[in-house]
Amino acid sequence: MAALPPPVPPTAVGIDLGGTKIAAALVGADGTITSRASLPTPAAAGPEAVLDAIAELAAPLLAAAAAAGAPALGVGIGAAGVIDPATATVLSATDHLPGWAGTDLRAGLGARLEIHPSAVHAVNDVHAHALGEGWLGAAAGASSVLLAAFGTGIGGSLLLDGVPLFGARQVGGHLGHVPSVEATGLRCPCGGTGHLEAIASGPSLHALYLRSGGDPAVPDARAVFDRAAAGDLLALSAIDTAATAAGRALGGLANALDPTAVIVSGGLADAGDSWWAPLRAAFAAELIGPLSSLVPQPAALGADAALAGAASLLLAPAASTHLPAFKEPTPCC
């Protein structure tokens, strides 16, 4: 009697939905990405158009998995906004995605892709990034991970044994809205004042440079870093202030949470030593003694972290234990 062939490992589609771009990938059970695609986010056209675009990307990936004989368990999404992971519903969102609040990702994509709604899972995009880094990246194997993303905004996630801490109202991880001495009196995009995002995000760093008397022709934070590399003292000072604020906040959170690893990602994390050096120095200065060996590390997976993390909602059961009555998924497609 001939031996049966070994079962084909499952796959899942991972989606990274941002305000400007939607990326999609077919992810294997070991985290390997075999196919990928992307589209601009049709944000101005409203949520139905955004769902159409996600389905346009996901459908051929699901079909490719079926053609290859690799069962697709479904679609995992890391989406901008506050997401209820139990229902895959957007609870609130910024103006980057007009009308996005209230969108039911599970129902909308289930209908468009002709799959059972239970095969669609979703979390906030920074939680997805943390899940990817915790599964395959810089924090692989760590029992607790604090991830902070510094870019246009500031987000974060705390993973405990591979599961994000969402909080009672699903807003866990909003690190940009912890108080910061350096931001005293500065208005935050959330409407409050004195929050970390008002001083340590990319746009806030740029605004600080201009307030300090910097060249008004400098258009954004990236250009501030270019000026710093050329020796512009105002640029160097703005970067130092923003990075110090980031490091102090992370150090305080580390004291409170005692994570195994601290991972830093986002656009500013690619800025080089002029940003990393003051961040790490400020972080170290805040730590209490038992945490003295803890050092923030850069994320390892880049843009693939959110894709892998979104897919892990189906492929890595630990990431999905927050879902009611979670069971091992069966192929949807």
C-alpha atoms as a PDB file:
ATOM      1  CA  MET A   1       0.000   0.000   0.000  1.00  0.00           C
ATOM      2  CA  ALA A   2       1.474   3.314  -1.095  1.00  0.00           C
ATOM      3  CA  ALA A   3       2.206   5.825   1.611  1.00  0.00           C
ATOM      4  CA  LEU A   4       0.033   8.890   1.658  1.00  0.00           C
ATOM      5  CA  PRO A   5       1.812  12.106   0.702  1.00  0.00           C
ATOM      6  CA  PRO A   6       2.579  14.416   3.621  1.00  0.00           C
ATOM      7  CA  PRO A   7      -0.012  17.136   4.236  1.00  0.00           C
ATOM      8  CA  VAL A   8       0.695  20.485   2.615  1.00  0.00           C
ATOM      9  CA  PRO A   9       1.338  23.193   5.237  1.00  0.00           C
ATOM     10  CA  PRO A  10      -1.375  25.841   5.326  1.00  0.00           C
ATOM     11  CA  THR A  11      -1.070  29.403   4.090  1.00  0.00           C
ATOM     12  CA  ALA A  12      -2.875  32.662   4.799  1.00  0.00           C
ATOM     13  CA  VAL A  13      -3.135  36.043   3.159  1.00  0.00           C
ATOM     14  CA  GLY A  14      -1.688  38.922   5.166  1.00  0.00           C
ATOM     15  CA  ILE A  15      -2.869  42.493   4.510  1.00  0.00           C
ATOM     16  CA  ASP A  16      -1.151  45.684   5.683  1.00  0.00           C
ATOM     17  CA  LEU A  17      -3.610  48.550   5.272  1.00  0.00           C
ATOM     18  CA  GLY A  18      -2.294  52.080   5.652  1.00  0.00           C
ATOM     19  CA  GLY A  19      -3.579  55.487   4.696  1.00  0.00           C
ATOM     20  CA  THR A  20      -1.551  55.620   1.486  1.00  0.00           C
ATOM     21  CA  LYS A  21      -0.860  52.000   0.490  1.00  0.00           C
ATOM     22  CA  ILE A  22      -2.348  48.527   0.852  1.00  0.00           C
ATOM     23  CA  ALA A  23       0.145  45.647   0.745  1.00  0.00           C
ATOM     24  CA  ALA A  24      -0.814  41.987   0.538  1.00  0.00           C
ATOM     25  CA  ALA A  25       1.134  38.736   0.659  1.00  0.00           C
ATOM     26  CA  LEU A  26       0.609  34.990   0.681  1.00  0.00           C
ATOM     27  CA  VAL A  27       2.335  33.731   3.826  1.00  0.00           C
ATOM     28  CA  GLY A  28       3.293  30.155   4.589  1.00  0.00           C
ATOM     29  CA  ALA A  29       3.056  28.363   7.918  1.00  0.00           C
ATOM     30  CA  ASP A  30       6.749  29.103   8.538  1.00  0.00           C
ATOM     31  CA  GLY A  31       6.323  32.802   7.711  1.00  0.00           C
ATOM     32  CA  THR A  32       7.754  32.553   4.207  1.00  0.00           C
ATOM     33  CA  ILE A  33       6.224  35.025   1.764  1.00  0.00           C
ATOM     34  CA  THR A  34       5.685  33.440  -1.644  1.00  0.00           C
ATOM     35  CA  SER A  35       3.664  36.119  -3.444  1.00  0.00           C
ATOM     36  CA  ARG A  36       2.963  39.781  -2.833  1.00  0.00           C
ATOM     37  CA  ALA A  37       1.067  42.700  -4.358  1.00  0.00           C
ATOM     38  CA  SER A  38       0.113  46.267  -3.501  1.00  0.00           C
ATOM     39  CA  LEU A  39      -2.204  49.105  -4.481  1.00  0.00           C
ATOM     40  CA  PRO A  40      -2.599  52.751  -3.466  1.00  0.00           C
ATOM     41  CA  THR A  41      -5.236  53.116  -0.766  1.00  0.00           C
ATOM     42  CA  PRO A  42      -8.348  54.754  -2.287  1.00  0.00           C
ATOM     43  CA  ALA A  43      -8.938  56.527   1.009  1.00  0.00           C
ATOM     44  CA  ALA A  44     -10.804  59.518  -0.387  1.00  0.00           C
ATOM     45  CA  ALA A  45     -13.309  57.227  -2.125  1.00  0.00           C
ATOM     46  CA  GLY A  46     -14.537  55.838   1.183  1.00  0.00           C
ATOM     47  CA  PRO A  47     -14.552  52.509   3.013  1.00  0.00           C
ATOM     48  CA  GLU A  48     -16.394  50.518   0.344  1.00  0.00           C
ATOM     49  CA  ALA A  49     -13.677  51.404  -2.173  1.00  0.00           C
ATOM     50  CA  VAL A  50     -10.999  50.429   0.357  1.00  0.00           C
ATOM     51  CA  LEU A  51     -12.671  47.048   0.883  1.00  0.00           C
ATOM     52  CA  ASP A  52     -12.867  46.606  -2.891  1.00  0.00           C
ATOM     53  CA  ALA A  53      -9.138  47.258  -3.160  1.00  0.00           C
ATOM     54  CA  ILE A  54      -8.301  44.772  -0.387  1.00  0.00           C
ATOM     55  CA  ALA A  55     -10.426  42.136  -2.115  1.00  0.00           C
ATOM     56  CA  GLU A  56      -8.757  42.893  -5.447  1.00  0.00           C
ATOM     57  CA  LEU A  57      -5.388  42.102  -3.857  1.00  0.00           C
ATOM     58  CA  ALA A  58      -6.488  39.109  -1.788  1.00  0.00           C
ATOM     59  CA  ALA A  59      -8.540  37.208  -4.374  1.00  0.00           C
ATOM     60  CA  PRO A  60      -5.651  36.212  -6.690  1.00  0.00           C
ATOM     61  CA  LEU A  61      -3.501  35.240  -3.698  1.00  0.00           C
ATOM     62  CA  LEU A  62      -6.236  32.934  -2.402  1.00  0.00           C
ATOM     63  CA  ALA A  63      -6.597  31.502  -5.884  1.00  0.00           C
ATOM     64  CA  ALA A  64      -2.844  30.950  -6.140  1.00  0.00           C
ATOM     65  CA  ALA A  65      -2.862  29.066  -2.846  1.00  0.00           C
ATOM     66  CA  ALA A  66      -5.686  26.837  -4.072  1.00  0.00           C
ATOM     67  CA  ALA A  67      -3.926  26.194  -7.394  1.00  0.00           C
ATOM     68  CA  ALA A  68      -0.749  25.193  -5.557  1.00  0.00           C
ATOM     69  CA  GLY A  69      -2.630  22.768  -3.348  1.00  0.00           C
ATOM     70  CA  ALA A  70      -1.728  24.755  -0.226  1.00  0.00           C
ATOM     71  CA  PRO A  71      -4.850  25.342   1.865  1.00  0.00           C
ATOM     72  CA  ALA A  72      -5.559  28.980   2.609  1.00  0.00           C
ATOM     73  CA  LEU A  73      -6.956  29.480   6.086  1.00  0.00           C
ATOM     74  CA  GLY A  74      -8.223  32.961   5.323  1.00  0.00           C
ATOM     75  CA  VAL A  75      -7.242  36.611   5.407  1.00  0.00           C
ATOM     76  CA  GLY A  76      -5.549  38.444   8.259  1.00  0.00           C
ATOM     77  CA  ILE A  77      -5.498  42.244   8.256  1.00  0.00           C
ATOM     78  CA  GLY A  78      -3.394  44.809  10.050  1.00  0.00           C
ATOM     79  CA  ALA A  79      -5.463  47.962   9.604  1.00  0.00           C
ATOM     80  CA  ALA A  80      -5.119  51.595  10.562  1.00  0.00           C
ATOM     81  CA  GLY A  81      -7.492  52.657  13.318  1.00  0.00           C
ATOM     82  CA  VAL A  82      -8.753  51.153  16.563  1.00  0.00           C
ATOM     83  CA  ILE A  83      -9.863  47.627  15.690  1.00  0.00           C
ATOM     84  CA  ASP A  84     -12.004  45.235  17.717  1.00  0.00           C
ATOM     85  CA  PRO A  85     -10.177  41.940  17.079  1.00  0.00           C
ATOM     86  CA  ALA A  86     -13.138  39.856  18.227  1.00  0.00           C
ATOM     87  CA  THR A  87     -15.396  41.205  15.461  1.00  0.00           C
ATOM     88  CA  ALA A  88     -12.867  42.680  12.978  1.00  0.00           C
ATOM     89  CA  THR A  89     -14.764  45.974  13.196  1.00  0.00           C
ATOM     90  CA  VAL A  90     -13.163  49.428  13.035  1.00  0.00           C
ATOM     91  CA  LEU A  91     -14.106  51.250  16.230  1.00  0.00           C
ATOM     92  CA  SER A  92     -12.488  54.581  15.400  1.00  0.00           C
ATOM     93  CA  ALA A  93     -10.063  56.050  12.880  1.00  0.00           C
ATOM     94  CA  THR A  94      -8.367  59.285  11.877  1.00  0.00           C
ATOM     95  CA  ASP A  95      -9.065  61.444   8.860  1.00  0.00           C
ATOM     96  CA  HIS A  96      -6.393  59.539   6.916  1.00  0.00           C
ATOM     97  CA  LEU A  97      -9.230  57.079   6.128  1.00  0.00           C
ATOM     98  CA  PRO A  98     -12.463  59.112   5.927  1.00  0.00           C
ATOM     99  CA  GLY A  99     -15.529  57.179   7.035  1.00  0.00           C
ATOM    100  CA  TRP A 100     -13.460  54.176   8.100  1.00  0.00           C
ATOM    101  CA  ALA A 101     -14.923  54.034  11.623  1.00  0.00           C
ATOM    102  CA  GLY A 102     -17.721  51.469  11.815  1.00  0.00           C
ATOM    103  CA  THR A 103     -16.462  49.357   8.910  1.00  0.00           C
ATOM    104  CA  ASP A 104     -17.122  45.628   9.363  1.00  0.00           C
ATOM    105  CA  LEU A 105     -14.062  44.020   7.765  1.00  0.00           C
ATOM    106  CA  ARG A 106     -15.299  40.499   8.386  1.00  0.00           C
ATOM    107  CA  ALA A 107     -18.639  40.919   6.640  1.00  0.00           C
ATOM    108  CA  GLY A 108     -17.332  43.176   3.892  1.00  0.00           C
ATOM    109  CA  LEU A 109     -14.444  40.975   2.843  1.00  0.00           C
ATOM    110  CA  GLY A 110     -16.280  37.717   3.439  1.00  0.00           C
ATOM    111  CA  ALA A 111     -18.888  38.786   0.892  1.00  0.00           C
ATOM    112  CA  ARG A 112     -16.397  40.150  -1.617  1.00  0.00           C
ATOM    113  CA  LEU A 113     -14.094  37.122  -1.460  1.00  0.00           C
ATOM    114  CA  GLU A 114     -16.929  34.587  -1.107  1.00  0.00           C
ATOM    115  CA  ILE A 115     -15.402  33.100   2.027  1.00  0.00           C
ATOM    116  CA  HIS A 116     -16.914  32.519   5.442  1.00  0.00           C
ATOM    117  CA  PRO A 117     -16.679  35.703   7.535  1.00  0.00           C
ATOM    118  CA  SER A 118     -14.930  33.742  10.301  1.00  0.00           C
ATOM    119  CA  ALA A 119     -11.950  33.355   7.928  1.00  0.00           C
ATOM    120  CA  VAL A 120     -11.301  37.126   8.174  1.00  0.00           C
ATOM    121  CA  HIS A 121      -9.346  38.351  11.214  1.00  0.00           C
ATOM    122  CA  ALA A 122      -8.078  41.868  11.927  1.00  0.00           C
ATOM    123  CA  VAL A 123      -6.025  43.894  14.393  1.00  0.00           C
ATOM    124  CA  ASN A 124      -4.540  47.380  14.446  1.00  0.00           C
ATOM    125  CA  ASP A 125      -1.567  47.704  12.080  1.00  0.00           C
ATOM    126  CA  VAL A 126       0.997  48.259  14.856  1.00  0.00           C
ATOM    127  CA  HIS A 127      -0.242  45.176  16.689  1.00  0.00           C
ATOM    128  CA  ALA A 128       0.239  43.290  13.407  1.00  0.00           C
ATOM    129  CA  HIS A 129       3.784  44.647  13.167  1.00  0.00           C
ATOM    130  CA  ALA A 130       4.513  43.477  16.713  1.00  0.00           C
ATOM    131  CA  LEU A 131       3.053  40.046  15.994  1.00  0.00           C
ATOM    132  CA  GLY A 132       5.383  39.694  13.013  1.00  0.00           C
ATOM    133  CA  GLU A 133       8.459  40.725  14.978  1.00  0.00           C
ATOM    134  CA  GLY A 134       7.448  38.477  17.866  1.00  0.00           C
ATOM    135  CA  TRP A 135       6.889  35.506  15.556  1.00  0.00           C
ATOM    136  CA  LEU A 136       9.821  35.771  13.162  1.00  0.00           C
ATOM    137  CA  GLY A 137      11.770  38.963  13.771  1.00  0.00           C
ATOM    138  CA  ALA A 138      13.839  40.797  16.349  1.00  0.00           C
ATOM    139  CA  ALA A 139      11.754  39.534  19.289  1.00  0.00           C
ATOM    140  CA  ALA A 140      11.257  35.922  18.171  1.00  0.00           C
ATOM    141  CA  GLY A 141      10.969  33.702  21.209  1.00  0.00           C
ATOM    142  CA  ALA A 142      10.604  36.559  23.707  1.00  0.00           C
ATOM    143  CA  SER A 143       7.871  36.007  26.299  1.00  0.00           C
ATOM    144  CA  SER A 144       6.984  39.709  26.489  1.00  0.00           C
ATOM    145  CA  VAL A 145       7.654  42.351  23.862  1.00  0.00           C
ATOM    146  CA  LEU A 146       7.183  46.109  23.956  1.00  0.00           C
ATOM    147  CA  LEU A 147       7.194  47.473  20.400  1.00  0.00           C
ATOM    148  CA  ALA A 148       7.100  51.191  19.622  1.00  0.00           C
ATOM    149  CA  ALA A 149       6.700  52.597  16.112  1.00  0.00           C
ATOM    150  CA  PHE A 150       7.909  56.159  15.474  1.00  0.00           C
ATOM    151  CA  GLY A 151       6.867  57.669  12.163  1.00  0.00           C
ATOM    152  CA  THR A 152       4.091  59.995  11.000  1.00  0.00           C
ATOM    153  CA  GLY A 153       2.455  59.081  14.299  1.00  0.00           C
ATOM    154  CA  ILE A 154       3.543  56.983  17.262  1.00  0.00           C
ATOM    155  CA  GLY A 155       2.005  53.604  17.980  1.00  0.00           C
ATOM    156  CA  GLY A 156       2.884  50.587  20.018  1.00  0.00           C
ATOM    157  CA  SER A 157       2.008  47.118  21.160  1.00  0.00           C
ATOM    158  CA  LEU A 158       2.696  44.911  24.157  1.00  0.00           C
ATOM    159  CA  LEU A 159       2.829  41.180  23.408  1.00  0.00           C
ATOM    160  CA  LEU A 160       2.464  38.718  26.261  1.00  0.00           C
ATOM    161  CA  ASP A 161       3.301  35.158  25.217  1.00  0.00           C
ATOM    162  CA  GLY A 162       2.592  36.131  21.622  1.00  0.00           C
ATOM    163  CA  VAL A 163      -0.771  37.774  22.284  1.00  0.00           C
ATOM    164  CA  PRO A 164      -1.259  41.564  22.002  1.00  0.00           C
ATOM    165  CA  LEU A 165      -2.654  43.386  25.015  1.00  0.00           C
ATOM    166  CA  PHE A 166      -5.654  45.156  23.476  1.00  0.00           C
ATOM    167  CA  GLY A 167      -7.144  46.614  26.635  1.00  0.00           C
ATOM    168  CA  ALA A 168     -10.718  46.905  27.828  1.00  0.00           C
ATOM    169  CA  ARG A 169     -11.619  49.350  25.022  1.00  0.00           C
ATOM    170  CA  GLN A 170      -9.207  48.019  22.357  1.00  0.00           C
ATOM    171  CA  VAL A 171      -6.904  51.070  22.571  1.00  0.00           C
ATOM    172  CA  GLY A 172      -3.968  49.331  24.250  1.00  0.00           C
ATOM    173  CA  GLY A 173      -0.652  50.304  22.671  1.00  0.00           C
ATOM    174  CA  HIS A 174      -1.310  54.002  22.023  1.00  0.00           C
ATOM    175  CA  LEU A 175       2.162  54.958  23.223  1.00  0.00           C
ATOM    176  CA  GLY A 176       2.053  58.287  21.444  1.00  0.00           C
ATOM    177  CA  HIS A 177      -0.322  59.600  24.069  1.00  0.00           C
ATOM    178  CA  VAL A 178       1.713  59.082  27.222  1.00  0.00           C
ATOM    179  CA  PRO A 179       2.816  62.383  28.846  1.00  0.00           C
ATOM    180  CA  SER A 180       6.171  63.846  27.852  1.00  0.00           C
ATOM    181  CA  VAL A 181       7.987  66.667  29.634  1.00  0.00           C
ATOM    182  CA  GLU A 182       9.557  67.724  26.333  1.00  0.00           C
ATOM    183  CA  ALA A 183       6.056  68.172  24.865  1.00  0.00           C
ATOM    184  CA  THR A 184       4.689  70.385  27.658  1.00  0.00           C
ATOM    185  CA  GLY A 185       2.191  72.825  26.164  1.00  0.00           C
ATOM    186  CA  LEU A 186       2.370  71.320  22.678  1.00  0.00           C
ATOM    187  CA  ARG A 187      -0.867  70.230  21.032  1.00  0.00           C
ATOM    188  CA  CYS A 188      -1.125  66.555  20.092  1.00  0.00           C
ATOM    189  CA  PRO A 189      -3.000  65.381  16.950  1.00  0.00           C
ATOM    190  CA  CYS A 190      -5.460  63.625  19.312  1.00  0.00           C
ATOM    191  CA  GLY A 191      -6.554  67.036  20.619  1.00  0.00           C
ATOM    192  CA  GLY A 192      -4.739  66.816  23.953  1.00  0.00           C
ATOM    193  CA  THR A 193      -1.539  68.577  24.956  1.00  0.00           C
ATOM    194  CA  GLY A 194       1.824  67.422  26.233  1.00  0.00           C
ATOM    195  CA  HIS A 195       1.727  63.949  24.679  1.00  0.00           C
ATOM    196  CA  LEU A 196       4.768  62.161  23.266  1.00  0.00           C
ATOM    197  CA  GLU A 197       3.437  62.327  19.709  1.00  0.00           C
ATOM    198  CA  ALA A 198       3.524  66.130  19.911  1.00  0.00           C
ATOM    199  CA  ILE A 199       7.328  66.077  20.128  1.00  0.00           C
ATOM    200  CA  ALA A 200       8.687  62.697  18.969  1.00  0.00           C
ATOM    201  CA  SER A 201       6.833  61.876  15.741  1.00  0.00           C
ATOM    202  CA  GLY A 202       8.306  62.758  12.352  1.00  0.00           C
ATOM    203  CA  PRO A 203       6.027  65.775  11.718  1.00  0.00           C
ATOM    204  CA  SER A 204       6.547  67.007  15.299  1.00  0.00           C
ATOM    205  CA  LEU A 205      10.326  66.761  14.949  1.00  0.00           C
ATOM    206  CA  HIS A 206      10.087  68.799  11.745  1.00  0.00           C
ATOM    207  CA  ALA A 207       7.850  71.366  13.468  1.00  0.00           C
ATOM    208  CA  LEU A 208      10.345  71.651  16.337  1.00  0.00           C
ATOM    209  CA  TYR A 209      13.158  72.346  13.878  1.00  0.00           C
ATOM    210  CA  LEU A 210      11.152  75.140  12.250  1.00  0.00           C
ATOM    211  CA  ARG A 211      10.127  76.647  15.617  1.00  0.00           C
ATOM    212  CA  SER A 212      13.783  76.706  16.617  1.00  0.00           C
ATOM    213  CA  GLY A 213      14.647  78.931  13.665  1.00  0.00           C
ATOM    214  CA  GLY A 214      15.450  76.239  11.111  1.00  0.00           C
ATOM    215  CA  ASP A 215      15.368  76.843   7.385  1.00  0.00           C
ATOM    216  CA  PRO A 216      11.676  77.107   6.333  1.00  0.00           C
ATOM    217  CA  ALA A 217      12.617  75.541   2.998  1.00  0.00           C
ATOM    218  CA  VAL A 218      13.220  72.201   4.766  1.00  0.00           C
ATOM    219  CA  PRO A 219      10.026  70.276   3.910  1.00  0.00           C
ATOM    220  CA  ASP A 220       9.890  67.319   6.314  1.00  0.00           C
ATOM    221  CA  ALA A 221      11.636  65.219   8.959  1.00  0.00           C
ATOM    222  CA  ARG A 222      13.678  63.312   6.386  1.00  0.00           C
ATOM    223  CA  ALA A 223      15.163  66.592   5.200  1.00  0.00           C
ATOM    224  CA  VAL A 224      15.896  67.561   8.821  1.00  0.00           C
ATOM    225  CA  PHE A 225      18.033  64.430   9.114  1.00  0.00           C
ATOM    226  CA  ASP A 226      19.790  65.351   5.861  1.00  0.00           C
ATOM    227  CA  ARG A 227      20.571  68.766   7.324  1.00  0.00           C
ATOM    228  CA  ALA A 228      21.844  67.153  10.515  1.00  0.00           C
ATOM    229  CA  ALA A 229      24.191  64.931   8.504  1.00  0.00           C
ATOM    230  CA  ALA A 230      25.577  68.117   6.905  1.00  0.00           C
ATOM    231  CA  GLY A 231      26.263  69.629  10.352  1.00  0.00           C
ATOM    232  CA  ASP A 232      23.175  71.814  10.846  1.00  0.00           C
ATOM    233  CA  LEU A 233      23.189  72.411  14.624  1.00  0.00           C
ATOM    234  CA  LEU A 234      19.476  73.288  14.788  1.00  0.00           C
ATOM    235  CA  ALA A 235      18.646  70.023  13.033  1.00  0.00           C
ATOM    236  CA  LEU A 236      20.876  68.062  15.399  1.00  0.00           C
ATOM    237  CA  SER A 237      19.251  69.748  18.395  1.00  0.00           C
ATOM    238  CA  ALA A 238      15.709  68.988  17.181  1.00  0.00           C
ATOM    239  CA  ILE A 239      16.605  65.329  16.598  1.00  0.00           C
ATOM    240  CA  ASP A 240      18.225  65.089  20.025  1.00  0.00           C
ATOM    241  CA  THR A 241      15.167  66.534  21.756  1.00  0.00           C
ATOM    242  CA  ALA A 242      12.693  64.284  19.928  1.00  0.00           C
ATOM    243  CA  ALA A 243      14.792  61.141  20.402  1.00  0.00           C
ATOM    244  CA  THR A 244      15.418  61.926  24.068  1.00  0.00           C
ATOM    245  CA  ALA A 245      11.681  62.268  24.641  1.00  0.00           C
ATOM    246  CA  ALA A 246      11.139  58.921  22.912  1.00  0.00           C
ATOM    247  CA  GLY A 247      13.836  57.222  24.981  1.00  0.00           C
ATOM    248  CA  ARG A 248      12.578  58.610  28.284  1.00  0.00           C
ATOM    249  CA  ALA A 249       9.023  57.474  27.562  1.00  0.00           C
ATOM    250  CA  LEU A 250      10.167  53.991  26.572  1.00  0.00           C
ATOM    251  CA  GLY A 251      12.363  53.757  29.660  1.00  0.00           C
ATOM    252  CA  GLY A 252       9.455  54.654  31.909  1.00  0.00           C
ATOM    253  CA  LEU A 253       7.245  52.085  30.215  1.00  0.00           C
ATOM    254  CA  ALA A 254       9.980  49.463  30.570  1.00  0.00           C
ATOM    255  CA  ASN A 255      10.146  50.176  34.316  1.00  0.00           C
ATOM    256  CA  ALA A 256       6.389  49.667  34.577  1.00  0.00           C
ATOM    257  CA  LEU A 257       6.104  46.613  32.313  1.00  0.00           C
ATOM    258  CA  ASP A 258       9.482  44.835  32.580  1.00  0.00           C
ATOM    259  CA  PRO A 259       9.391  43.392  29.035  1.00  0.00           C
ATOM    260  CA  THR A 260      11.790  40.736  27.809  1.00  0.00           C
ATOM    261  CA  ALA A 261      12.557  42.852  24.737  1.00  0.00           C
ATOM    262  CA  VAL A 262      11.991  46.421  23.524  1.00  0.00           C
ATOM    263  CA  ILE A 263      11.725  46.776  19.743  1.00  0.00           C
ATOM    264  CA  VAL A 264      11.669  50.106  17.894  1.00  0.00           C
ATOM    265  CA  SER A 265      10.322  50.448  14.362  1.00  0.00           C
ATOM    266  CA  GLY A 266       8.850  53.041  12.025  1.00  0.00           C
ATOM    267  CA  GLY A 267      10.384  55.559   9.671  1.00  0.00           C
ATOM    268  CA  LEU A 268      12.457  57.337  12.320  1.00  0.00           C
ATOM    269  CA  ALA A 269      14.083  54.050  13.339  1.00  0.00           C
ATOM    270  CA  ASP A 270      15.885  54.101   9.980  1.00  0.00           C
ATOM    271  CA  ALA A 271      17.369  57.541  10.639  1.00  0.00           C
ATOM    272  CA  GLY A 272      20.732  56.432  11.987  1.00  0.00           C
ATOM    273  CA  ASP A 273      22.875  57.154  15.002  1.00  0.00           C
ATOM    274  CA  SER A 274      21.886  60.815  15.384  1.00  0.00           C
ATOM    275  CA  TRP A 275      18.471  59.523  16.519  1.00  0.00           C
ATOM    276  CA  TRP A 276      19.351  56.168  18.059  1.00  0.00           C
ATOM    277  CA  ALA A 277      22.179  57.433  20.297  1.00  0.00           C
ATOM    278  CA  PRO A 278      20.101  59.976  22.292  1.00  0.00           C
ATOM    279  CA  LEU A 279      17.145  57.580  22.397  1.00  0.00           C
ATOM    280  CA  ARG A 280      19.224  54.784  23.910  1.00  0.00           C
ATOM    281  CA  ALA A 281      21.004  57.159  26.299  1.00  0.00           C
ATOM    282  CA  ALA A 282      17.712  58.567  27.596  1.00  0.00           C
ATOM    283  CA  PHE A 283      16.219  55.085  27.846  1.00  0.00           C
ATOM    284  CA  ALA A 284      19.170  53.815  29.900  1.00  0.00           C
ATOM    285  CA  ALA A 285      19.044  56.860  32.199  1.00  0.00           C
ATOM    286  CA  GLU A 286      15.423  56.074  33.147  1.00  0.00           C
ATOM    287  CA  LEU A 287      15.876  52.383  33.985  1.00  0.00           C
ATOM    288  CA  ILE A 288      15.858  51.056  37.509  1.00  0.00           C
ATOM    289  CA  GLY A 289      18.693  48.715  38.441  1.00  0.00           C
ATOM    290  CA  PRO A 290      17.294  45.287  37.569  1.00  0.00           C
ATOM    291  CA  LEU A 291      16.553  46.471  34.014  1.00  0.00           C
ATOM    292  CA  SER A 292      20.014  47.920  33.347  1.00  0.00           C
ATOM    293  CA  SER A 293      20.869  45.329  30.687  1.00  0.00           C
ATOM    294  CA  LEU A 294      17.756  46.078  28.610  1.00  0.00           C
ATOM    295  CA  VAL A 295      18.557  47.914  25.351  1.00  0.00           C
ATOM    296  CA  PRO A 296      16.040  48.941  22.643  1.00  0.00           C
ATOM    297  CA  GLN A 297      16.669  47.044  19.402  1.00  0.00           C
ATOM    298  CA  PRO A 298      15.622  47.892  15.834  1.00  0.00           C
ATOM    299  CA  ALA A 299      12.900  45.846  14.201  1.00  0.00           C
ATOM    300  CA  ALA A 300      14.213  43.223  11.797  1.00  0.00           C
ATOM    301  CA  LEU A 301      11.485  42.531   9.247  1.00  0.00           C
ATOM    302  CA  GLY A 302      10.734  45.975   7.846  1.00  0.00           C
ATOM    303  CA  ALA A 303       7.460  46.225   5.958  1.00  0.00           C
ATOM    304  CA  ASP A 304       7.072  42.435   5.982  1.00  0.00           C
ATOM    305  CA  ALA A 305       6.482  42.442   9.751  1.00  0.00           C
ATOM    306  CA  ALA A 306       2.880  43.621   9.450  1.00  0.00           C
ATOM    307  CA  LEU A 307       2.163  41.180   6.610  1.00  0.00           C
ATOM    308  CA  ALA A 308       3.529  38.229   8.574  1.00  0.00           C
ATOM    309  CA  GLY A 309       1.835  39.410  11.763  1.00  0.00           C
ATOM    310  CA  ALA A 310      -1.534  39.767  10.055  1.00  0.00           C
ATOM    311  CA  ALA A 311      -1.225  36.277   8.577  1.00  0.00           C
ATOM    312  CA  SER A 312      -0.208  34.921  11.982  1.00  0.00           C
ATOM    313  CA  LEU A 313      -3.735  35.636  13.213  1.00  0.00           C
ATOM    314  CA  LEU A 314      -4.617  32.475  11.281  1.00  0.00           C
ATOM    315  CA  LEU A 315      -1.299  30.632  11.146  1.00  0.00           C
ATOM    316  CA  ALA A 316      -0.087  31.015  14.745  1.00  0.00           C
ATOM    317  CA  PRO A 317      -2.877  30.054  17.184  1.00  0.00           C
ATOM    318  CA  ALA A 318      -1.254  31.914  20.092  1.00  0.00           C
ATOM    319  CA  ALA A 319      -1.874  35.191  18.285  1.00  0.00           C
ATOM    320  CA  SER A 320      -5.582  34.422  18.061  1.00  0.00           C
ATOM    321  CA  THR A 321      -6.380  33.362  21.588  1.00  0.00           C
ATOM    322  CA  HIS A 322      -8.093  36.703  22.111  1.00  0.00           C
ATOM    323  CA  LEU A 323     -10.860  35.614  19.762  1.00  0.00           C
ATOM    324  CA  PRO A 324     -13.989  34.155  21.355  1.00  0.00           C
ATOM    325  CA  ALA A 325     -14.018  30.342  21.401  1.00  0.00           C
ATOM    326  CA  PHE A 326     -10.987  30.189  19.120  1.00  0.00           C
ATOM    327  CA  LYS A 327     -10.587  26.898  17.279  1.00  0.00           C
ATOM    328  CA  GLU A 328      -7.936  25.703  14.858  1.00  0.00           C
ATOM    329  CA  PRO A 329      -8.989  27.232  11.534  1.00  0.00           C
ATOM    330  CA  THR A 330      -9.843  25.070   8.553  1.00  0.00           C
ATOM    331  CA  PRO A 331      -9.070  26.040   4.953  1.00  0.00           C
ATOM    332  CA  CYS A 332     -11.493  28.589   3.621  1.00  0.00           C
ATOM    333  CA  CYS A 333     -10.486  28.721  -0.023  1.00  0.00           C
END
